[in-house]
Amino acid sequence: SPVALRETFVAKLVFFAGIFTFFALFFALVNVWTLGLPIEADLPVLAMMIIGTLLITTFGLALSAIFPNTETDDPERLSTTLPGIGFMIGSLVLIGAGAFSVHQYVSATSPLPYIAFLFGGIVAILLLVARAREALDRPII
């Protein structure tokens, strides 16, 4: 029977987003407890980590769905393709944007970058999922 690519994409997204978010929060909470910081002070960081982890995971899976590489499954070759390099650069930009937004929020300079990162991240996740599901409906040549 043929494999339903849309359902496979959603299953991978749920699995990887769930496991990566769990580990990100686990290690963030261990860090908070080790330093003895109040949890209320770290809620902005935890919210940013949740959105950031979900966004980077969705970004990687969506890129692989939008730009499938049917020539190889070698990770070394896949990571040096244009989508692979775009994922690495995009991830670094997202991490920098998240760190900047939390710094601006915590230092009481401005909450706008933080709010923009959270809402922009949610919108980007929804758009990436929609675009990936649309791309999976087209036939692979």
N, C-alpha and C. Protein backbone atom coordinates (compact mmCIF):
# COMPACT_ATOMS: atom_id res chain seq x y z
N SER A 1 0.83 -1.17 0.00
CA SER A 1 0.00 0.00 0.00
C SER A 1 0.88 1.24 0.00
N PRO A 2 0.46 2.30 -0.65
CA PRO A 2 1.27 3.51 -0.69
C PRO A 2 1.32 4.20 0.67
N VAL A 3 2.41 4.90 0.89
CA VAL A 3 2.60 5.62 2.14
C VAL A 3 1.94 6.99 2.02
N ALA A 4 1.13 7.34 3.00
CA ALA A 4 0.49 8.65 3.03
C ALA A 4 1.49 9.66 3.57
N LEU A 5 2.03 10.50 2.68
CA LEU A 5 3.09 11.42 3.07
C LEU A 5 2.62 12.49 4.05
N ARG A 6 1.39 12.96 3.89
CA ARG A 6 0.89 13.99 4.81
C ARG A 6 0.79 13.45 6.23
N GLU A 7 0.27 12.24 6.37
CA GLU A 7 0.14 11.66 7.70
C GLU A 7 1.51 11.34 8.29
N THR A 8 2.45 10.93 7.44
CA THR A 8 3.81 10.66 7.91
C THR A 8 4.45 11.96 8.39
N PHE A 9 4.25 13.04 7.65
CA PHE A 9 4.79 14.34 8.06
C PHE A 9 4.24 14.76 9.41
N VAL A 10 2.93 14.65 9.58
CA VAL A 10 2.31 15.05 10.85
C VAL A 10 2.81 14.16 11.99
N ALA A 11 2.95 12.87 11.74
CA ALA A 11 3.44 11.96 12.79
C ALA A 11 4.88 12.31 13.18
N LYS A 12 5.73 12.60 12.19
CA LYS A 12 7.11 12.99 12.49
C LYS A 12 7.13 14.30 13.25
N LEU A 13 6.31 15.24 12.84
CA LEU A 13 6.28 16.54 13.50
C LEU A 13 5.85 16.40 14.96
N VAL A 14 4.81 15.64 15.20
CA VAL A 14 4.34 15.46 16.58
C VAL A 14 5.41 14.75 17.42
N PHE A 15 6.03 13.71 16.87
CA PHE A 15 7.03 12.97 17.62
C PHE A 15 8.25 13.82 17.92
N PHE A 16 8.86 14.40 16.87
CA PHE A 16 10.10 15.14 17.07
C PHE A 16 9.87 16.44 17.84
N ALA A 17 8.80 17.15 17.55
CA ALA A 17 8.53 18.38 18.29
C ALA A 17 8.28 18.06 19.76
N GLY A 18 7.57 16.99 20.02
CA GLY A 18 7.31 16.60 21.41
C GLY A 18 8.56 16.22 22.15
N ILE A 19 9.39 15.38 21.55
CA ILE A 19 10.59 14.90 22.25
C ILE A 19 11.61 16.01 22.41
N PHE A 20 11.80 16.85 21.38
CA PHE A 20 12.77 17.94 21.50
C PHE A 20 12.30 18.99 22.50
N THR A 21 11.01 19.29 22.51
CA THR A 21 10.49 20.26 23.48
C THR A 21 10.60 19.72 24.89
N PHE A 22 10.34 18.43 25.08
CA PHE A 22 10.47 17.83 26.40
C PHE A 22 11.91 17.97 26.91
N PHE A 23 12.88 17.61 26.07
CA PHE A 23 14.28 17.69 26.51
C PHE A 23 14.72 19.14 26.73
N ALA A 24 14.28 20.06 25.88
CA ALA A 24 14.64 21.47 26.06
C ALA A 24 14.10 21.99 27.40
N LEU A 25 12.85 21.68 27.70
CA LEU A 25 12.28 22.13 28.97
C LEU A 25 12.91 21.43 30.16
N PHE A 26 13.18 20.15 30.02
CA PHE A 26 13.80 19.40 31.11
C PHE A 26 15.14 20.01 31.49
N PHE A 27 16.00 20.25 30.50
CA PHE A 27 17.32 20.79 30.80
C PHE A 27 17.24 22.25 31.24
N ALA A 28 16.26 23.00 30.74
CA ALA A 28 16.08 24.38 31.21
C ALA A 28 15.65 24.40 32.67
N LEU A 29 14.74 23.50 33.04
CA LEU A 29 14.30 23.44 34.43
C LEU A 29 15.41 22.95 35.36
N VAL A 30 16.21 22.00 34.91
CA VAL A 30 17.37 21.56 35.70
C VAL A 30 18.31 22.74 35.94
N ASN A 31 18.52 23.54 34.90
CA ASN A 31 19.37 24.71 35.03
C ASN A 31 18.79 25.70 36.04
N VAL A 32 17.48 25.94 35.97
CA VAL A 32 16.82 26.87 36.89
C VAL A 32 16.94 26.37 38.32
N TRP A 33 16.68 25.08 38.53
CA TRP A 33 16.74 24.52 39.88
C TRP A 33 18.18 24.49 40.41
N THR A 34 19.13 24.24 39.55
CA THR A 34 20.53 24.20 39.97
C THR A 34 20.99 25.59 40.42
N LEU A 35 20.57 26.61 39.71
CA LEU A 35 20.96 27.97 40.06
C LEU A 35 20.12 28.55 41.19
N GLY A 36 19.02 27.89 41.53
CA GLY A 36 18.15 28.36 42.61
C GLY A 36 17.35 29.60 42.25
N LEU A 37 17.05 29.75 40.98
CA LEU A 37 16.27 30.91 40.54
C LEU A 37 14.78 30.64 40.71
N PRO A 38 14.00 31.69 40.97
CA PRO A 38 12.54 31.49 41.05
C PRO A 38 11.98 31.17 39.66
N ILE A 39 11.07 30.23 39.61
CA ILE A 39 10.52 29.78 38.33
C ILE A 39 9.75 30.89 37.63
N GLU A 40 9.13 31.80 38.39
CA GLU A 40 8.37 32.89 37.78
C GLU A 40 9.27 33.80 36.95
N ALA A 41 10.50 33.97 37.38
CA ALA A 41 11.42 34.84 36.65
C ALA A 41 11.87 34.21 35.34
N ASP A 42 11.78 32.91 35.25
CA ASP A 42 12.25 32.22 34.06
C ASP A 42 11.13 31.81 33.10
N LEU A 43 9.91 32.17 33.39
CA LEU A 43 8.81 31.85 32.48
C LEU A 43 8.99 32.43 31.08
N PRO A 44 9.48 33.67 30.94
CA PRO A 44 9.71 34.17 29.57
C PRO A 44 10.73 33.34 28.80
N VAL A 45 11.77 32.90 29.48
CA VAL A 45 12.78 32.06 28.82
C VAL A 45 12.19 30.72 28.44
N LEU A 46 11.40 30.14 29.32
CA LEU A 46 10.78 28.84 29.03
C LEU A 46 9.80 28.94 27.87
N ALA A 47 9.01 30.02 27.83
CA ALA A 47 8.07 30.21 26.72
C ALA A 47 8.82 30.37 25.41
N MET A 48 9.92 31.14 25.43
CA MET A 48 10.72 31.31 24.23
C MET A 48 11.34 29.99 23.79
N MET A 49 11.77 29.18 24.74
CA MET A 49 12.37 27.88 24.40
C MET A 49 11.33 26.96 23.77
N ILE A 50 10.11 26.97 24.27
CA ILE A 50 9.06 26.13 23.70
C ILE A 50 8.78 26.55 22.26
N ILE A 51 8.53 27.83 22.05
CA ILE A 51 8.24 28.32 20.69
C ILE A 51 9.45 28.12 19.78
N GLY A 52 10.64 28.43 20.28
CA GLY A 52 11.85 28.26 19.47
C GLY A 52 12.11 26.82 19.07
N THR A 53 11.93 25.90 20.00
CA THR A 53 12.13 24.48 19.71
C THR A 53 11.10 23.99 18.70
N LEU A 54 9.85 24.35 18.90
CA LEU A 54 8.81 23.96 17.95
C LEU A 54 9.06 24.56 16.57
N LEU A 55 9.51 25.81 16.54
CA LEU A 55 9.75 26.49 15.27
C LEU A 55 10.92 25.86 14.51
N ILE A 56 12.01 25.59 15.19
CA ILE A 56 13.17 24.99 14.51
C ILE A 56 12.86 23.58 14.05
N THR A 57 12.15 22.81 14.84
CA THR A 57 11.77 21.45 14.44
C THR A 57 10.85 21.49 13.23
N THR A 58 9.85 22.36 13.28
CA THR A 58 8.93 22.49 12.15
C THR A 58 9.65 23.00 10.91
N PHE A 59 10.57 23.92 11.08
CA PHE A 59 11.34 24.47 9.97
C PHE A 59 12.13 23.36 9.27
N GLY A 60 12.80 22.51 10.03
CA GLY A 60 13.58 21.43 9.43
C GLY A 60 12.72 20.41 8.70
N LEU A 61 11.64 20.01 9.33
CA LEU A 61 10.76 19.03 8.68
C LEU A 61 10.05 19.62 7.47
N ALA A 62 9.66 20.89 7.56
CA ALA A 62 8.98 21.52 6.43
C ALA A 62 9.93 21.68 5.25
N LEU A 63 11.19 22.04 5.51
CA LEU A 63 12.15 22.16 4.42
C LEU A 63 12.34 20.82 3.70
N SER A 64 12.38 19.74 4.46
CA SER A 64 12.55 18.43 3.83
C SER A 64 11.31 18.01 3.06
N ALA A 65 10.15 18.50 3.45
CA ALA A 65 8.93 18.17 2.71
C ALA A 65 8.78 19.05 1.47
N ILE A 66 9.16 20.32 1.60
CA ILE A 66 9.02 21.25 0.48
C ILE A 66 10.07 20.99 -0.59
N PHE A 67 11.29 20.68 -0.15
CA PHE A 67 12.40 20.43 -1.08
C PHE A 67 12.93 19.01 -0.89
N PRO A 68 12.19 17.99 -1.32
CA PRO A 68 12.65 16.62 -1.10
C PRO A 68 13.88 16.31 -1.95
N ASN A 69 14.78 15.53 -1.39
CA ASN A 69 15.97 15.09 -2.12
C ASN A 69 15.83 13.59 -2.30
N THR A 70 15.51 13.19 -3.51
CA THR A 70 15.29 11.77 -3.79
C THR A 70 16.56 11.09 -4.28
N GLU A 71 17.65 11.84 -4.39
CA GLU A 71 18.89 11.26 -4.91
C GLU A 71 19.72 10.56 -3.85
N THR A 72 19.64 11.00 -2.61
CA THR A 72 20.47 10.42 -1.56
C THR A 72 19.75 10.50 -0.22
N ASP A 73 20.16 9.62 0.69
CA ASP A 73 19.70 9.70 2.06
C ASP A 73 20.90 9.84 3.01
N ASP A 74 22.07 10.13 2.43
CA ASP A 74 23.29 10.32 3.19
C ASP A 74 23.23 11.67 3.92
N PRO A 75 23.27 11.68 5.25
CA PRO A 75 23.16 12.94 5.99
C PRO A 75 24.27 13.94 5.64
N GLU A 76 25.46 13.44 5.32
CA GLU A 76 26.54 14.36 4.97
C GLU A 76 26.23 15.12 3.68
N ARG A 77 25.65 14.45 2.72
CA ARG A 77 25.31 15.11 1.46
C ARG A 77 24.05 15.96 1.62
N LEU A 78 23.10 15.51 2.42
CA LEU A 78 21.88 16.29 2.61
C LEU A 78 22.15 17.61 3.33
N SER A 79 23.07 17.60 4.29
CA SER A 79 23.33 18.82 5.05
C SER A 79 24.07 19.87 4.23
N THR A 80 24.67 19.48 3.11
CA THR A 80 25.37 20.46 2.27
C THR A 80 24.55 20.88 1.05
N THR A 81 23.30 20.46 0.98
CA THR A 81 22.41 20.95 -0.07
C THR A 81 21.91 22.34 0.33
N LEU A 82 21.30 23.03 -0.60
CA LEU A 82 20.79 24.38 -0.30
C LEU A 82 19.76 24.37 0.85
N PRO A 83 18.79 23.44 0.87
CA PRO A 83 17.87 23.41 2.02
C PRO A 83 18.59 23.09 3.34
N GLY A 84 19.61 22.23 3.29
CA GLY A 84 20.36 21.90 4.51
C GLY A 84 21.12 23.09 5.06
N ILE A 85 21.78 23.81 4.18
CA ILE A 85 22.51 25.00 4.60
C ILE A 85 21.52 26.09 5.04
N GLY A 86 20.41 26.20 4.31
CA GLY A 86 19.38 27.16 4.71
C GLY A 86 18.83 26.86 6.09
N PHE A 87 18.68 25.57 6.40
CA PHE A 87 18.20 25.19 7.73
C PHE A 87 19.20 25.60 8.80
N MET A 88 20.47 25.35 8.57
CA MET A 88 21.48 25.71 9.58
C MET A 88 21.53 27.22 9.79
N ILE A 89 21.53 27.98 8.70
CA ILE A 89 21.58 29.44 8.83
C ILE A 89 20.29 29.96 9.47
N GLY A 90 19.14 29.43 9.02
CA GLY A 90 17.87 29.83 9.61
C GLY A 90 17.77 29.52 11.09
N SER A 91 18.29 28.38 11.50
CA SER A 91 18.27 28.01 12.92
C SER A 91 19.12 28.96 13.74
N LEU A 92 20.30 29.31 13.23
CA LEU A 92 21.15 30.26 13.95
C LEU A 92 20.48 31.62 14.07
N VAL A 93 19.82 32.07 13.01
CA VAL A 93 19.11 33.35 13.05
C VAL A 93 17.97 33.29 14.07
N LEU A 94 17.23 32.18 14.09
CA LEU A 94 16.12 32.04 15.05
C LEU A 94 16.62 32.03 16.49
N ILE A 95 17.73 31.34 16.73
CA ILE A 95 18.29 31.30 18.08
C ILE A 95 18.74 32.70 18.50
N GLY A 96 19.39 33.41 17.58
CA GLY A 96 19.81 34.78 17.89
C GLY A 96 18.64 35.70 18.14
N ALA A 97 17.58 35.58 17.32
CA ALA A 97 16.39 36.41 17.51
C ALA A 97 15.71 36.10 18.83
N GLY A 98 15.65 34.83 19.20
CA GLY A 98 15.05 34.47 20.49
C GLY A 98 15.85 34.99 21.66
N ALA A 99 17.17 34.87 21.58
CA ALA A 99 18.02 35.37 22.67
C ALA A 99 17.91 36.89 22.78
N PHE A 100 17.91 37.58 21.65
CA PHE A 100 17.77 39.04 21.66
C PHE A 100 16.42 39.45 22.26
N SER A 101 15.37 38.76 21.85
CA SER A 101 14.04 39.14 22.33
C SER A 101 13.90 38.93 23.83
N VAL A 102 14.45 37.84 24.35
CA VAL A 102 14.38 37.60 25.80
C VAL A 102 15.25 38.62 26.53
N HIS A 103 16.40 38.93 25.98
CA HIS A 103 17.26 39.94 26.62
C HIS A 103 16.55 41.29 26.70
N GLN A 104 15.89 41.68 25.63
CA GLN A 104 15.16 42.95 25.63
C GLN A 104 14.03 42.93 26.65
N TYR A 105 13.37 41.78 26.77
CA TYR A 105 12.24 41.66 27.71
C TYR A 105 12.73 41.68 29.16
N VAL A 106 13.75 40.90 29.45
CA VAL A 106 14.24 40.77 30.82
C VAL A 106 14.92 42.05 31.29
N SER A 107 15.62 42.72 30.41
CA SER A 107 16.30 43.95 30.80
C SER A 107 15.36 45.15 30.83
N ALA A 108 14.08 44.91 30.59
CA ALA A 108 13.03 45.93 30.61
C ALA A 108 13.26 47.04 29.59
N THR A 109 14.01 46.72 28.53
CA THR A 109 14.20 47.69 27.46
C THR A 109 12.93 47.83 26.66
N SER A 110 12.41 46.68 26.18
CA SER A 110 11.16 46.70 25.42
C SER A 110 10.60 45.29 25.33
N PRO A 111 9.31 45.14 25.59
CA PRO A 111 8.71 43.81 25.45
C PRO A 111 8.33 43.48 24.00
N LEU A 112 8.41 44.46 23.10
CA LEU A 112 7.96 44.24 21.72
C LEU A 112 8.72 43.15 20.98
N PRO A 113 10.07 43.08 21.05
CA PRO A 113 10.74 41.98 20.35
C PRO A 113 10.34 40.60 20.88
N TYR A 114 10.12 40.51 22.18
CA TYR A 114 9.71 39.24 22.78
C TYR A 114 8.32 38.83 22.30
N ILE A 115 7.39 39.77 22.33
CA ILE A 115 6.02 39.49 21.87
C ILE A 115 6.03 39.16 20.38
N ALA A 116 6.82 39.90 19.61
CA ALA A 116 6.92 39.64 18.17
C ALA A 116 7.50 38.26 17.90
N PHE A 117 8.50 37.85 18.70
CA PHE A 117 9.08 36.52 18.50
C PHE A 117 8.06 35.43 18.80
N LEU A 118 7.33 35.58 19.90
CA LEU A 118 6.36 34.54 20.26
C LEU A 118 5.24 34.43 19.23
N PHE A 119 4.63 35.55 18.89
CA PHE A 119 3.52 35.50 17.93
C PHE A 119 4.01 35.21 16.52
N GLY A 120 5.15 35.78 16.16
CA GLY A 120 5.73 35.47 14.85
C GLY A 120 6.11 34.02 14.73
N GLY A 121 6.60 33.43 15.82
CA GLY A 121 6.94 32.01 15.82
C GLY A 121 5.72 31.13 15.63
N ILE A 122 4.64 31.47 16.30
CA ILE A 122 3.41 30.69 16.16
C ILE A 122 2.87 30.78 14.74
N VAL A 123 2.87 31.99 14.18
CA VAL A 123 2.40 32.18 12.80
C VAL A 123 3.30 31.42 11.83
N ALA A 124 4.61 31.49 12.04
CA ALA A 124 5.55 30.80 11.16
C ALA A 124 5.35 29.28 11.23
N ILE A 125 5.11 28.75 12.41
CA ILE A 125 4.87 27.31 12.55
C ILE A 125 3.63 26.91 11.75
N LEU A 126 2.56 27.66 11.90
CA LEU A 126 1.33 27.34 11.17
C LEU A 126 1.53 27.45 9.66
N LEU A 127 2.24 28.47 9.21
CA LEU A 127 2.48 28.63 7.77
C LEU A 127 3.39 27.53 7.23
N LEU A 128 4.41 27.15 7.98
CA LEU A 128 5.31 26.08 7.53
C LEU A 128 4.59 24.74 7.43
N VAL A 129 3.74 24.46 8.40
CA VAL A 129 2.97 23.20 8.35
C VAL A 129 2.03 23.21 7.16
N ALA A 130 1.35 24.32 6.93
CA ALA A 130 0.42 24.40 5.79
C ALA A 130 1.17 24.26 4.47
N ARG A 131 2.31 24.92 4.34
CA ARG A 131 3.09 24.85 3.09
C ARG A 131 3.66 23.45 2.88
N ALA A 132 4.12 22.81 3.94
CA ALA A 132 4.66 21.46 3.81
C ALA A 132 3.57 20.47 3.43
N ARG A 133 2.41 20.58 4.04
CA ARG A 133 1.31 19.67 3.69
C ARG A 133 0.86 19.89 2.25
N GLU A 134 0.88 21.13 1.80
CA GLU A 134 0.55 21.43 0.41
C GLU A 134 1.60 20.83 -0.53
N ALA A 135 2.86 20.94 -0.17
CA ALA A 135 3.94 20.40 -1.00
C ALA A 135 3.89 18.88 -1.07
N LEU A 136 3.39 18.25 -0.03
CA LEU A 136 3.33 16.78 -0.02
C LEU A 136 2.20 16.25 -0.91
N ASP A 137 1.30 17.10 -1.31
CA ASP A 137 0.22 16.69 -2.20
C ASP A 137 0.66 16.60 -3.66
N ARG A 138 1.75 17.28 -4.00
CA ARG A 138 2.21 17.25 -5.39
C ARG A 138 3.04 15.99 -5.63
N PRO A 139 3.03 15.47 -6.83
CA PRO A 139 3.80 14.26 -7.12
C PRO A 139 5.29 14.55 -7.16
N ILE A 140 6.08 13.61 -6.66
CA ILE A 140 7.54 13.73 -6.68
C ILE A 140 8.03 13.17 -8.01
N ILE A 141 8.78 13.97 -8.72
CA ILE A 141 9.27 13.57 -10.04
C ILE A 141 10.61 12.91 -9.90
